[in-house]
Amino acid sequence: MKKSGRYDTSDLIEAQFEPGSRGRVLKNKLGIKLKREMDEAESVALAVAIDKLLRMYNANYYFTVEDIKTMHKIWLGEIYEWAGEYRQVNVSKGDFPFAAAKHIPQLMYEFEKETLYKYTPCNFKSLERVIQALAEVHVELVLIHPFREGNGRVARILSTIMASQAGLPILNFKDITTVVSAKN
């Protein structure tokens, strides 16, 4: 396995880094080599994608795994060749391995049939039920980690659209930070 700064991966196309990026930026359509520039490109694309996606889905829409793949493709399709496709590499963060790539199609099928079907459309009458729906959908999707990159942000896109279905204002995730624990 090849190790990047964030994930352990095998040598498939999704694991390739942009030449000249010192292994910090995944191979991309834009030829971006600097992490700071890639972060900016992804952020700009995310804002555009959220605007577009909020207009695509109404309050009575039942989400499917194909919708989640579409969200990923709309967001990252201009940046990465593999956008909108399930990852083919195994990834982990620290000592935590996400679902093995070979299991993702089945796990996403179960996610659709159990979690998405149960919680979408997210137009529940009680705020507690909406919060439960947002939390469960978000956690389950992140734990499956179906994409090579952008899983947390796709989960937040879906949460934002689901909150919109519930009549809530646009969710604000700006204060979310990544917590990194050091091993003793």
N, C-alpha and C. Protein backbone atom coordinates (compact mmCIF):
# COMPACT_ATOMS: atom_id res chain seq x y z
N MET A 1 0.83 -1.19 0.00
CA MET A 1 0.00 0.00 0.00
C MET A 1 0.87 1.24 0.00
N LYS A 2 0.41 2.24 -0.71
CA LYS A 2 1.07 3.53 -0.78
C LYS A 2 0.45 4.42 0.29
N LYS A 3 1.24 5.25 0.94
CA LYS A 3 0.70 6.10 1.99
C LYS A 3 0.82 7.56 1.58
N SER A 4 -0.30 8.29 1.66
CA SER A 4 -0.28 9.73 1.45
C SER A 4 -0.38 10.38 2.82
N GLY A 5 -0.44 11.68 2.87
CA GLY A 5 -0.57 12.38 4.13
C GLY A 5 -1.88 12.10 4.83
N ARG A 6 -2.90 11.71 4.11
CA ARG A 6 -4.22 11.52 4.71
C ARG A 6 -4.71 10.09 4.68
N TYR A 7 -4.35 9.33 3.68
CA TYR A 7 -4.93 8.01 3.49
C TYR A 7 -3.89 6.99 3.09
N ASP A 8 -4.17 5.73 3.42
CA ASP A 8 -3.39 4.64 2.86
C ASP A 8 -4.15 4.14 1.65
N THR A 9 -3.47 4.00 0.53
CA THR A 9 -4.15 3.58 -0.69
C THR A 9 -3.30 2.60 -1.47
N SER A 10 -3.94 1.89 -2.36
CA SER A 10 -3.21 1.01 -3.27
C SER A 10 -2.83 1.83 -4.51
N ASP A 11 -2.21 1.21 -5.48
CA ASP A 11 -1.68 1.93 -6.64
C ASP A 11 -2.66 2.04 -7.81
N LEU A 12 -3.92 2.25 -7.58
CA LEU A 12 -4.89 2.45 -8.65
C LEU A 12 -4.89 3.90 -9.08
N ILE A 13 -5.60 4.20 -10.16
CA ILE A 13 -5.62 5.56 -10.72
C ILE A 13 -6.03 6.62 -9.71
N GLU A 14 -6.97 6.29 -8.84
CA GLU A 14 -7.41 7.25 -7.82
C GLU A 14 -6.30 7.61 -6.85
N ALA A 15 -5.27 6.78 -6.77
CA ALA A 15 -4.19 7.01 -5.82
C ALA A 15 -3.06 7.84 -6.43
N GLN A 16 -3.16 8.18 -7.69
CA GLN A 16 -2.10 8.93 -8.35
C GLN A 16 -2.12 10.39 -7.91
N PHE A 17 -0.93 10.93 -7.75
CA PHE A 17 -0.80 12.33 -7.38
C PHE A 17 -0.37 13.14 -8.58
N GLU A 18 -0.71 14.39 -8.55
CA GLU A 18 -0.34 15.30 -9.63
C GLU A 18 1.18 15.41 -9.66
N PRO A 19 1.80 15.17 -10.82
CA PRO A 19 3.26 15.32 -10.92
C PRO A 19 3.67 16.72 -10.47
N GLY A 20 4.69 16.77 -9.65
CA GLY A 20 5.18 18.06 -9.15
C GLY A 20 4.48 18.54 -7.89
N SER A 21 3.53 17.74 -7.36
CA SER A 21 2.80 18.17 -6.15
C SER A 21 3.42 17.61 -4.88
N ARG A 22 4.53 16.89 -5.01
CA ARG A 22 5.20 16.25 -3.86
C ARG A 22 4.25 15.35 -3.08
N GLY A 23 3.33 14.68 -3.81
CA GLY A 23 2.42 13.74 -3.18
C GLY A 23 1.36 14.38 -2.30
N ARG A 24 1.06 15.66 -2.54
CA ARG A 24 0.08 16.37 -1.70
C ARG A 24 -1.23 16.63 -2.41
N VAL A 25 -1.26 16.53 -3.75
CA VAL A 25 -2.47 16.84 -4.51
C VAL A 25 -2.76 15.67 -5.44
N LEU A 26 -3.99 15.16 -5.38
CA LEU A 26 -4.37 14.06 -6.26
C LEU A 26 -4.35 14.51 -7.72
N LYS A 27 -4.05 13.57 -8.60
CA LYS A 27 -4.05 13.86 -10.04
C LYS A 27 -5.39 14.46 -10.40
N ASN A 28 -5.35 15.55 -11.14
CA ASN A 28 -6.58 16.27 -11.44
C ASN A 28 -6.58 16.83 -12.85
N LYS A 29 -7.77 17.17 -13.34
CA LYS A 29 -7.96 17.68 -14.70
C LYS A 29 -7.41 19.09 -14.88
N LEU A 30 -7.22 19.80 -13.77
CA LEU A 30 -6.80 21.20 -13.85
C LEU A 30 -5.29 21.37 -13.78
N GLY A 31 -4.57 20.28 -13.50
CA GLY A 31 -3.12 20.37 -13.40
C GLY A 31 -2.65 21.12 -12.16
N ILE A 32 -3.51 21.22 -11.16
CA ILE A 32 -3.15 21.93 -9.94
C ILE A 32 -2.14 21.10 -9.15
N LYS A 33 -1.08 21.76 -8.68
CA LYS A 33 -0.02 21.08 -7.96
C LYS A 33 0.06 21.50 -6.49
N LEU A 34 -0.49 22.63 -6.16
CA LEU A 34 -0.42 23.14 -4.79
C LEU A 34 -1.69 22.84 -4.02
N LYS A 35 -1.53 22.30 -2.81
CA LYS A 35 -2.69 21.94 -1.98
C LYS A 35 -3.60 23.15 -1.75
N ARG A 36 -3.03 24.28 -1.47
CA ARG A 36 -3.81 25.51 -1.22
C ARG A 36 -4.69 25.84 -2.43
N GLU A 37 -4.14 25.70 -3.63
CA GLU A 37 -4.92 25.98 -4.85
C GLU A 37 -6.02 24.94 -5.05
N MET A 38 -5.73 23.68 -4.72
CA MET A 38 -6.75 22.64 -4.86
C MET A 38 -7.87 22.86 -3.85
N ASP A 39 -7.51 23.21 -2.62
CA ASP A 39 -8.53 23.50 -1.61
C ASP A 39 -9.45 24.62 -2.09
N GLU A 40 -8.87 25.63 -2.69
CA GLU A 40 -9.67 26.75 -3.21
C GLU A 40 -10.56 26.32 -4.36
N ALA A 41 -10.01 25.54 -5.29
CA ALA A 41 -10.80 25.07 -6.44
C ALA A 41 -11.97 24.21 -5.97
N GLU A 42 -11.71 23.32 -5.01
CA GLU A 42 -12.78 22.47 -4.48
C GLU A 42 -13.83 23.30 -3.75
N SER A 43 -13.41 24.32 -3.01
CA SER A 43 -14.34 25.18 -2.27
C SER A 43 -15.24 25.98 -3.21
N VAL A 44 -14.65 26.53 -4.25
CA VAL A 44 -15.44 27.28 -5.23
C VAL A 44 -16.43 26.36 -5.92
N ALA A 45 -15.97 25.19 -6.33
CA ALA A 45 -16.85 24.21 -6.99
C ALA A 45 -17.96 23.76 -6.04
N LEU A 46 -17.66 23.65 -4.76
CA LEU A 46 -18.66 23.22 -3.77
C LEU A 46 -19.78 24.25 -3.65
N ALA A 47 -19.43 25.52 -3.60
CA ALA A 47 -20.45 26.57 -3.50
C ALA A 47 -21.37 26.55 -4.73
N VAL A 48 -20.79 26.38 -5.90
CA VAL A 48 -21.58 26.31 -7.13
C VAL A 48 -22.48 25.08 -7.11
N ALA A 49 -21.93 23.95 -6.68
CA ALA A 49 -22.68 22.69 -6.65
C ALA A 49 -23.86 22.77 -5.68
N ILE A 50 -23.64 23.32 -4.49
CA ILE A 50 -24.73 23.41 -3.52
C ILE A 50 -25.86 24.26 -4.07
N ASP A 51 -25.54 25.36 -4.70
CA ASP A 51 -26.57 26.21 -5.30
C ASP A 51 -27.38 25.44 -6.33
N LYS A 52 -26.70 24.72 -7.19
CA LYS A 52 -27.36 23.95 -8.24
C LYS A 52 -28.19 22.81 -7.64
N LEU A 53 -27.62 22.10 -6.69
CA LEU A 53 -28.31 20.94 -6.12
C LEU A 53 -29.53 21.32 -5.30
N LEU A 54 -29.47 22.44 -4.62
CA LEU A 54 -30.64 22.89 -3.86
C LEU A 54 -31.84 23.15 -4.78
N ARG A 55 -31.56 23.51 -6.02
CA ARG A 55 -32.64 23.74 -6.98
C ARG A 55 -33.11 22.46 -7.66
N MET A 56 -32.33 21.39 -7.56
CA MET A 56 -32.67 20.13 -8.24
C MET A 56 -33.68 19.28 -7.48
N TYR A 57 -33.67 19.39 -6.15
CA TYR A 57 -34.47 18.46 -5.34
C TYR A 57 -35.53 19.22 -4.55
N ASN A 58 -36.77 18.68 -4.56
CA ASN A 58 -37.84 19.36 -3.84
C ASN A 58 -38.08 18.71 -2.47
N ALA A 59 -39.02 19.24 -1.73
CA ALA A 59 -39.29 18.81 -0.35
C ALA A 59 -39.83 17.39 -0.26
N ASN A 60 -40.30 16.82 -1.36
CA ASN A 60 -40.88 15.48 -1.33
C ASN A 60 -40.01 14.43 -2.01
N TYR A 61 -38.75 14.76 -2.25
CA TYR A 61 -37.86 13.88 -3.01
C TYR A 61 -37.26 12.80 -2.12
N TYR A 62 -37.30 11.55 -2.58
CA TYR A 62 -36.63 10.42 -1.94
C TYR A 62 -35.25 10.27 -2.56
N PHE A 63 -34.21 10.39 -1.77
CA PHE A 63 -32.86 10.29 -2.30
C PHE A 63 -32.46 8.83 -2.51
N THR A 64 -31.60 8.63 -3.51
CA THR A 64 -31.05 7.32 -3.82
C THR A 64 -29.52 7.44 -3.83
N VAL A 65 -28.86 6.30 -3.93
CA VAL A 65 -27.41 6.34 -4.02
C VAL A 65 -26.97 6.99 -5.34
N GLU A 66 -27.78 6.85 -6.37
CA GLU A 66 -27.44 7.52 -7.64
C GLU A 66 -27.46 9.04 -7.47
N ASP A 67 -28.35 9.55 -6.64
CA ASP A 67 -28.36 11.00 -6.36
C ASP A 67 -27.08 11.42 -5.66
N ILE A 68 -26.60 10.59 -4.74
CA ILE A 68 -25.37 10.91 -4.03
C ILE A 68 -24.19 10.91 -4.99
N LYS A 69 -24.15 9.95 -5.90
CA LYS A 69 -23.11 9.92 -6.92
C LYS A 69 -23.21 11.16 -7.81
N THR A 70 -24.44 11.56 -8.13
CA THR A 70 -24.64 12.77 -8.94
C THR A 70 -24.14 14.00 -8.20
N MET A 71 -24.42 14.10 -6.92
CA MET A 71 -23.94 15.24 -6.12
C MET A 71 -22.42 15.32 -6.19
N HIS A 72 -21.76 14.19 -6.02
CA HIS A 72 -20.30 14.15 -6.06
C HIS A 72 -19.79 14.56 -7.44
N LYS A 73 -20.46 14.07 -8.49
CA LYS A 73 -20.06 14.39 -9.87
C LYS A 73 -20.27 15.86 -10.19
N ILE A 74 -21.40 16.41 -9.78
CA ILE A 74 -21.66 17.83 -10.02
C ILE A 74 -20.61 18.68 -9.32
N TRP A 75 -20.26 18.30 -8.11
CA TRP A 75 -19.28 19.07 -7.36
C TRP A 75 -17.87 18.93 -7.93
N LEU A 76 -17.38 17.70 -8.12
CA LEU A 76 -15.97 17.48 -8.45
C LEU A 76 -15.71 17.04 -9.89
N GLY A 77 -16.74 16.98 -10.70
CA GLY A 77 -16.59 16.48 -12.06
C GLY A 77 -15.65 17.27 -12.95
N GLU A 78 -15.50 18.55 -12.69
CA GLU A 78 -14.58 19.38 -13.48
C GLU A 78 -13.15 19.28 -12.96
N ILE A 79 -12.99 18.60 -11.81
CA ILE A 79 -11.67 18.53 -11.18
C ILE A 79 -11.03 17.15 -11.29
N TYR A 80 -11.81 16.10 -11.04
CA TYR A 80 -11.26 14.74 -11.02
C TYR A 80 -11.97 13.82 -12.00
N GLU A 81 -11.20 12.97 -12.67
CA GLU A 81 -11.76 12.00 -13.62
C GLU A 81 -12.73 11.04 -12.94
N TRP A 82 -12.47 10.68 -11.72
CA TRP A 82 -13.24 9.65 -11.01
C TRP A 82 -14.41 10.22 -10.21
N ALA A 83 -14.71 11.48 -10.35
CA ALA A 83 -15.82 12.09 -9.60
C ALA A 83 -17.13 11.37 -9.91
N GLY A 84 -17.91 11.11 -8.88
CA GLY A 84 -19.20 10.47 -9.05
C GLY A 84 -19.13 8.96 -9.10
N GLU A 85 -17.95 8.40 -8.98
CA GLU A 85 -17.77 6.94 -9.01
C GLU A 85 -17.30 6.46 -7.64
N TYR A 86 -17.77 5.29 -7.26
CA TYR A 86 -17.29 4.71 -6.01
C TYR A 86 -15.80 4.46 -6.09
N ARG A 87 -15.13 4.62 -4.96
CA ARG A 87 -13.68 4.42 -4.94
C ARG A 87 -13.34 2.95 -5.16
N GLN A 88 -12.18 2.74 -5.73
CA GLN A 88 -11.66 1.41 -5.97
C GLN A 88 -10.47 1.11 -5.08
N VAL A 89 -10.12 2.06 -4.24
CA VAL A 89 -8.99 1.90 -3.34
C VAL A 89 -9.50 1.78 -1.91
N ASN A 90 -8.76 1.06 -1.10
CA ASN A 90 -9.07 1.00 0.32
C ASN A 90 -8.41 2.19 0.99
N VAL A 91 -9.14 2.84 1.89
CA VAL A 91 -8.61 4.01 2.57
C VAL A 91 -8.82 3.88 4.07
N SER A 92 -7.94 4.55 4.80
CA SER A 92 -8.07 4.63 6.24
C SER A 92 -7.61 6.00 6.68
N LYS A 93 -8.03 6.38 7.84
CA LYS A 93 -7.57 7.63 8.43
C LYS A 93 -6.96 7.25 9.77
N GLY A 94 -5.67 7.43 9.88
CA GLY A 94 -4.99 6.96 11.08
C GLY A 94 -5.12 5.44 11.16
N ASP A 95 -5.58 4.95 12.28
CA ASP A 95 -5.77 3.52 12.47
C ASP A 95 -7.18 3.06 12.14
N PHE A 96 -8.01 3.97 11.62
CA PHE A 96 -9.41 3.62 11.35
C PHE A 96 -9.59 3.32 9.86
N PRO A 97 -9.82 2.04 9.51
CA PRO A 97 -10.07 1.70 8.10
C PRO A 97 -11.55 1.92 7.76
N PHE A 98 -11.80 2.59 6.67
CA PHE A 98 -13.17 2.72 6.19
C PHE A 98 -13.54 1.42 5.48
N ALA A 99 -14.79 1.32 5.08
CA ALA A 99 -15.27 0.10 4.41
C ALA A 99 -14.35 -0.26 3.24
N ALA A 100 -14.11 -1.54 3.09
CA ALA A 100 -13.29 -2.02 1.98
C ALA A 100 -13.98 -1.66 0.67
N ALA A 101 -13.20 -1.24 -0.30
CA ALA A 101 -13.75 -0.78 -1.59
C ALA A 101 -14.67 -1.82 -2.23
N LYS A 102 -14.32 -3.08 -2.12
CA LYS A 102 -15.14 -4.12 -2.77
C LYS A 102 -16.54 -4.23 -2.15
N HIS A 103 -16.73 -3.71 -0.95
CA HIS A 103 -18.03 -3.79 -0.28
C HIS A 103 -18.90 -2.54 -0.48
N ILE A 104 -18.35 -1.51 -1.07
CA ILE A 104 -19.08 -0.25 -1.18
C ILE A 104 -20.39 -0.38 -1.95
N PRO A 105 -20.46 -1.02 -3.11
CA PRO A 105 -21.75 -1.10 -3.80
C PRO A 105 -22.85 -1.73 -2.93
N GLN A 106 -22.53 -2.81 -2.22
CA GLN A 106 -23.52 -3.46 -1.36
C GLN A 106 -23.88 -2.57 -0.17
N LEU A 107 -22.89 -1.95 0.44
CA LEU A 107 -23.15 -1.07 1.58
C LEU A 107 -24.00 0.13 1.17
N MET A 108 -23.74 0.67 -0.01
CA MET A 108 -24.54 1.81 -0.48
C MET A 108 -25.96 1.37 -0.82
N TYR A 109 -26.12 0.18 -1.35
CA TYR A 109 -27.45 -0.37 -1.62
C TYR A 109 -28.23 -0.47 -0.30
N GLU A 110 -27.58 -1.01 0.74
CA GLU A 110 -28.22 -1.12 2.05
C GLU A 110 -28.50 0.25 2.64
N PHE A 111 -27.59 1.19 2.46
CA PHE A 111 -27.78 2.57 2.93
C PHE A 111 -29.01 3.18 2.29
N GLU A 112 -29.20 2.96 1.01
CA GLU A 112 -30.37 3.48 0.31
C GLU A 112 -31.65 2.84 0.85
N LYS A 113 -31.66 1.52 0.91
CA LYS A 113 -32.88 0.80 1.29
C LYS A 113 -33.25 1.00 2.75
N GLU A 114 -32.27 1.19 3.62
CA GLU A 114 -32.56 1.32 5.04
C GLU A 114 -32.57 2.78 5.49
N THR A 115 -31.49 3.48 5.31
CA THR A 115 -31.35 4.82 5.87
C THR A 115 -32.00 5.90 5.00
N LEU A 116 -31.66 5.96 3.72
CA LEU A 116 -32.25 7.00 2.87
C LEU A 116 -33.76 6.83 2.76
N TYR A 117 -34.21 5.61 2.63
CA TYR A 117 -35.66 5.38 2.52
C TYR A 117 -36.38 5.78 3.80
N LYS A 118 -35.74 5.57 4.93
CA LYS A 118 -36.34 5.89 6.23
C LYS A 118 -36.39 7.41 6.47
N TYR A 119 -35.37 8.13 6.01
CA TYR A 119 -35.24 9.53 6.39
C TYR A 119 -35.45 10.55 5.27
N THR A 120 -35.72 10.09 4.06
CA THR A 120 -36.04 11.06 3.01
C THR A 120 -37.36 10.67 2.38
N PRO A 121 -38.15 11.66 2.00
CA PRO A 121 -37.85 13.08 2.17
C PRO A 121 -37.80 13.46 3.65
N CYS A 122 -37.02 14.46 3.95
CA CYS A 122 -36.80 14.88 5.34
C CYS A 122 -37.76 16.02 5.68
N ASN A 123 -39.02 15.72 5.62
CA ASN A 123 -40.02 16.77 5.92
C ASN A 123 -40.83 16.39 7.16
N PHE A 124 -40.11 15.97 8.20
CA PHE A 124 -40.74 15.58 9.45
C PHE A 124 -41.27 16.80 10.19
N LYS A 125 -42.26 16.60 11.01
CA LYS A 125 -42.88 17.71 11.74
C LYS A 125 -42.07 18.16 12.95
N SER A 126 -41.37 17.23 13.60
CA SER A 126 -40.62 17.62 14.80
C SER A 126 -39.15 17.87 14.46
N LEU A 127 -38.59 18.87 15.10
CA LEU A 127 -37.19 19.20 14.90
C LEU A 127 -36.30 18.05 15.39
N GLU A 128 -36.70 17.37 16.45
CA GLU A 128 -35.92 16.24 16.94
C GLU A 128 -35.79 15.15 15.88
N ARG A 129 -36.87 14.88 15.17
CA ARG A 129 -36.85 13.85 14.12
C ARG A 129 -35.96 14.29 12.96
N VAL A 130 -36.00 15.57 12.60
CA VAL A 130 -35.14 16.10 11.54
C VAL A 130 -33.67 15.96 11.95
N ILE A 131 -33.36 16.32 13.18
CA ILE A 131 -31.98 16.22 13.67
C ILE A 131 -31.52 14.77 13.65
N GLN A 132 -32.38 13.85 14.07
CA GLN A 132 -32.04 12.43 14.04
C GLN A 132 -31.76 11.98 12.60
N ALA A 133 -32.60 12.40 11.68
CA ALA A 133 -32.43 12.03 10.27
C ALA A 133 -31.10 12.56 9.73
N LEU A 134 -30.82 13.82 9.98
CA LEU A 134 -29.58 14.42 9.48
C LEU A 134 -28.36 13.71 10.07
N ALA A 135 -28.41 13.43 11.36
CA ALA A 135 -27.27 12.80 12.03
C ALA A 135 -27.04 11.39 11.51
N GLU A 136 -28.09 10.58 11.42
CA GLU A 136 -27.92 9.20 10.98
C GLU A 136 -27.46 9.11 9.53
N VAL A 137 -28.06 9.90 8.66
CA VAL A 137 -27.67 9.87 7.26
C VAL A 137 -26.21 10.30 7.12
N HIS A 138 -25.84 11.36 7.80
CA HIS A 138 -24.47 11.87 7.72
C HIS A 138 -23.47 10.83 8.20
N VAL A 139 -23.69 10.28 9.39
CA VAL A 139 -22.74 9.32 9.97
C VAL A 139 -22.63 8.07 9.10
N GLU A 140 -23.76 7.52 8.68
CA GLU A 140 -23.71 6.30 7.88
C GLU A 140 -22.95 6.51 6.57
N LEU A 141 -23.20 7.64 5.92
CA LEU A 141 -22.52 7.91 4.65
C LEU A 141 -21.02 8.09 4.86
N VAL A 142 -20.63 8.82 5.88
CA VAL A 142 -19.20 9.03 6.14
C VAL A 142 -18.51 7.72 6.51
N LEU A 143 -19.18 6.87 7.27
CA LEU A 143 -18.56 5.59 7.65
C LEU A 143 -18.36 4.68 6.45
N ILE A 144 -19.28 4.70 5.51
CA ILE A 144 -19.09 3.92 4.28
C ILE A 144 -17.95 4.51 3.46
N HIS A 145 -17.89 5.84 3.41
CA HIS A 145 -16.81 6.54 2.71
C HIS A 145 -16.71 6.07 1.25
N PRO A 146 -17.80 6.27 0.48
CA PRO A 146 -17.86 5.67 -0.85
C PRO A 146 -16.93 6.28 -1.90
N PHE A 147 -16.44 7.48 -1.69
CA PHE A 147 -15.64 8.16 -2.71
C PHE A 147 -14.18 8.30 -2.28
N ARG A 148 -13.33 8.52 -3.24
CA ARG A 148 -11.90 8.68 -2.98
C ARG A 148 -11.62 9.94 -2.18
N GLU A 149 -12.39 10.96 -2.43
CA GLU A 149 -12.20 12.26 -1.79
C GLU A 149 -13.55 12.94 -1.66
N GLY A 150 -13.73 13.72 -0.60
CA GLY A 150 -14.91 14.56 -0.48
C GLY A 150 -16.11 13.92 0.21
N ASN A 151 -15.92 12.84 0.94
CA ASN A 151 -17.04 12.15 1.57
C ASN A 151 -17.75 13.00 2.62
N GLY A 152 -17.00 13.65 3.48
CA GLY A 152 -17.62 14.51 4.50
C GLY A 152 -18.38 15.66 3.87
N ARG A 153 -17.80 16.25 2.84
CA ARG A 153 -18.47 17.37 2.18
C ARG A 153 -19.71 16.92 1.43
N VAL A 154 -19.69 15.73 0.82
CA VAL A 154 -20.90 15.22 0.17
C VAL A 154 -21.97 14.93 1.22
N ALA A 155 -21.56 14.41 2.36
CA ALA A 155 -22.52 14.17 3.45
C ALA A 155 -23.12 15.50 3.91
N ARG A 156 -22.32 16.56 3.94
CA ARG A 156 -22.84 17.87 4.33
C ARG A 156 -23.74 18.46 3.25
N ILE A 157 -23.42 18.20 1.98
CA ILE A 157 -24.32 18.63 0.89
C ILE A 157 -25.68 17.97 1.08
N LEU A 158 -25.68 16.66 1.27
CA LEU A 158 -26.93 15.93 1.46
C LEU A 158 -27.67 16.45 2.70
N SER A 159 -26.96 16.69 3.79
CA SER A 159 -27.59 17.24 5.00
C SER A 159 -28.21 18.60 4.74
N THR A 160 -27.53 19.42 3.97
CA THR A 160 -28.04 20.75 3.64
C THR A 160 -29.34 20.65 2.84
N ILE A 161 -29.37 19.75 1.88
CA ILE A 161 -30.57 19.59 1.06
C ILE A 161 -31.71 19.00 1.90
N MET A 162 -31.38 18.04 2.76
CA MET A 162 -32.40 17.46 3.64
C MET A 162 -32.94 18.51 4.60
N ALA A 163 -32.08 19.37 5.14
CA ALA A 163 -32.54 20.45 6.02
C ALA A 163 -33.47 21.39 5.26
N SER A 164 -33.14 21.64 4.00
CA SER A 164 -34.01 22.46 3.16
C SER A 164 -35.37 21.80 2.98
N GLN A 165 -35.39 20.47 2.81
CA GLN A 165 -36.66 19.74 2.70
C GLN A 165 -37.50 19.94 3.97
N ALA A 166 -36.83 20.07 5.10
CA ALA A 166 -37.51 20.23 6.39
C ALA A 166 -37.91 21.68 6.65
N GLY A 167 -37.57 22.57 5.71
CA GLY A 167 -37.92 23.98 5.88
C GLY A 167 -36.94 24.75 6.75
N LEU A 168 -35.78 24.17 7.00
CA LEU A 168 -34.77 24.85 7.81
C LEU A 168 -33.90 25.73 6.92
N PRO A 169 -33.25 26.73 7.52
CA PRO A 169 -32.32 27.55 6.73
C PRO A 169 -31.10 26.73 6.32
N ILE A 170 -30.32 27.28 5.40
CA ILE A 170 -29.10 26.62 4.93
C ILE A 170 -28.20 26.35 6.13
N LEU A 171 -27.72 25.14 6.24
CA LEU A 171 -26.84 24.77 7.35
C LEU A 171 -25.48 25.44 7.16
N ASN A 172 -24.87 25.83 8.27
CA ASN A 172 -23.58 26.49 8.24
C ASN A 172 -22.55 25.57 8.90
N PHE A 173 -21.59 25.11 8.12
CA PHE A 173 -20.57 24.19 8.61
C PHE A 173 -19.22 24.86 8.78
N LYS A 174 -19.17 26.19 8.76
CA LYS A 174 -17.88 26.87 8.73
C LYS A 174 -17.03 26.65 9.98
N ASP A 175 -17.64 26.31 11.09
CA ASP A 175 -16.88 26.12 12.31
C ASP A 175 -16.44 24.67 12.54
N ILE A 176 -16.69 23.79 11.56
CA ILE A 176 -16.25 22.41 11.69
C ILE A 176 -14.75 22.36 11.47
N THR A 177 -14.08 21.70 12.38
CA THR A 177 -12.63 21.51 12.25
C THR A 177 -12.33 20.03 12.36
N THR A 178 -11.22 19.66 11.79
CA THR A 178 -10.79 18.27 11.87
C THR A 178 -9.97 18.12 13.14
N VAL A 179 -10.31 17.12 13.92
CA VAL A 179 -9.57 16.83 15.14
C VAL A 179 -8.62 15.70 14.85
N VAL A 180 -7.36 15.95 15.10
CA VAL A 180 -6.33 14.93 14.88
C VAL A 180 -5.78 14.56 16.24
N SER A 181 -5.81 13.28 16.55
CA SER A 181 -5.27 12.84 17.84
C SER A 181 -3.87 12.28 17.64
N ALA A 182 -3.02 12.58 18.56
CA ALA A 182 -1.65 12.08 18.50
C ALA A 182 -1.58 10.77 19.27
N LYS A 183 -0.80 9.82 18.74
CA LYS A 183 -0.60 8.56 19.45
C LYS A 183 0.49 8.76 20.49
N ASN A 184 0.26 8.22 21.68
CA ASN A 184 1.28 8.31 22.74
C ASN A 184 2.24 7.16 22.67
